[in-house]
């Protein structure tokens, strides 16, 4: 148990789902729920709706920003581009520790949310008040909390990536987690706006080698495209 209160923000495109989480936690003595005013505008822009900001009752306080150590609870039905954008916003800067409540996650999506830095994941049908409070406390301590079936799927996915990295003949050895030096070199030039031919000339690689380096990196880390790979490298401090 935590001796101090945990500041919690709740994020959902569905007001009823958000209200349900708030009702679960608002009377917990170790939890203080605050509104995330900055996130409302970003969420509305992403969803391209014209809903106004809603203020809910139940003892919530307005927060002008995200305090260090804050836990953000995010509810999703599926991990689409809107959810990914909101999740990136929440984890940006590392100031918030995220608890994700999801209806379903496929294996590539599971790897993505873990790479983003999500601390705890709950299935919606298992999000009882007790489990939700435990997930919030685990996240606040910097610990992980995953359902047993997700742990199994995550280990399976990591094992598959490891085998793929070991058996791949397209590039030299690269680590299963993290980035190899020449991957960093290539991505740094991608970030500078160079195309494949220009990168190959700069690094004295063939264009095929440059493409293989990028393909292997994006496959291993489940990055969608070059822009996503650059964003990942920037977020992790490689470039």
Foldseek 3Di string as FASTA:
>chain_A
DDPAAAEEEEDEPDPVVSVVLCVLPLPPPRYAYEYDVVLVVVLCVLVVDDDDDDDDDRRYHYDPHQAALHEYEYEDAEDDPSNVVSLLVQPPPNRYAYEYEYQDDDLLRLLVSVLSHHAEYHYNVGPHSVVVVVCSVCSSVVHHYYDPVSVVSNVVLLVVLVVCQVPDPLDPHFDLDDGDPVLLLLLVVVVVVDDLVVSCVVVVHDSSSSVSSVVSVCVSSVADDSVSVNVSCVRVVSD
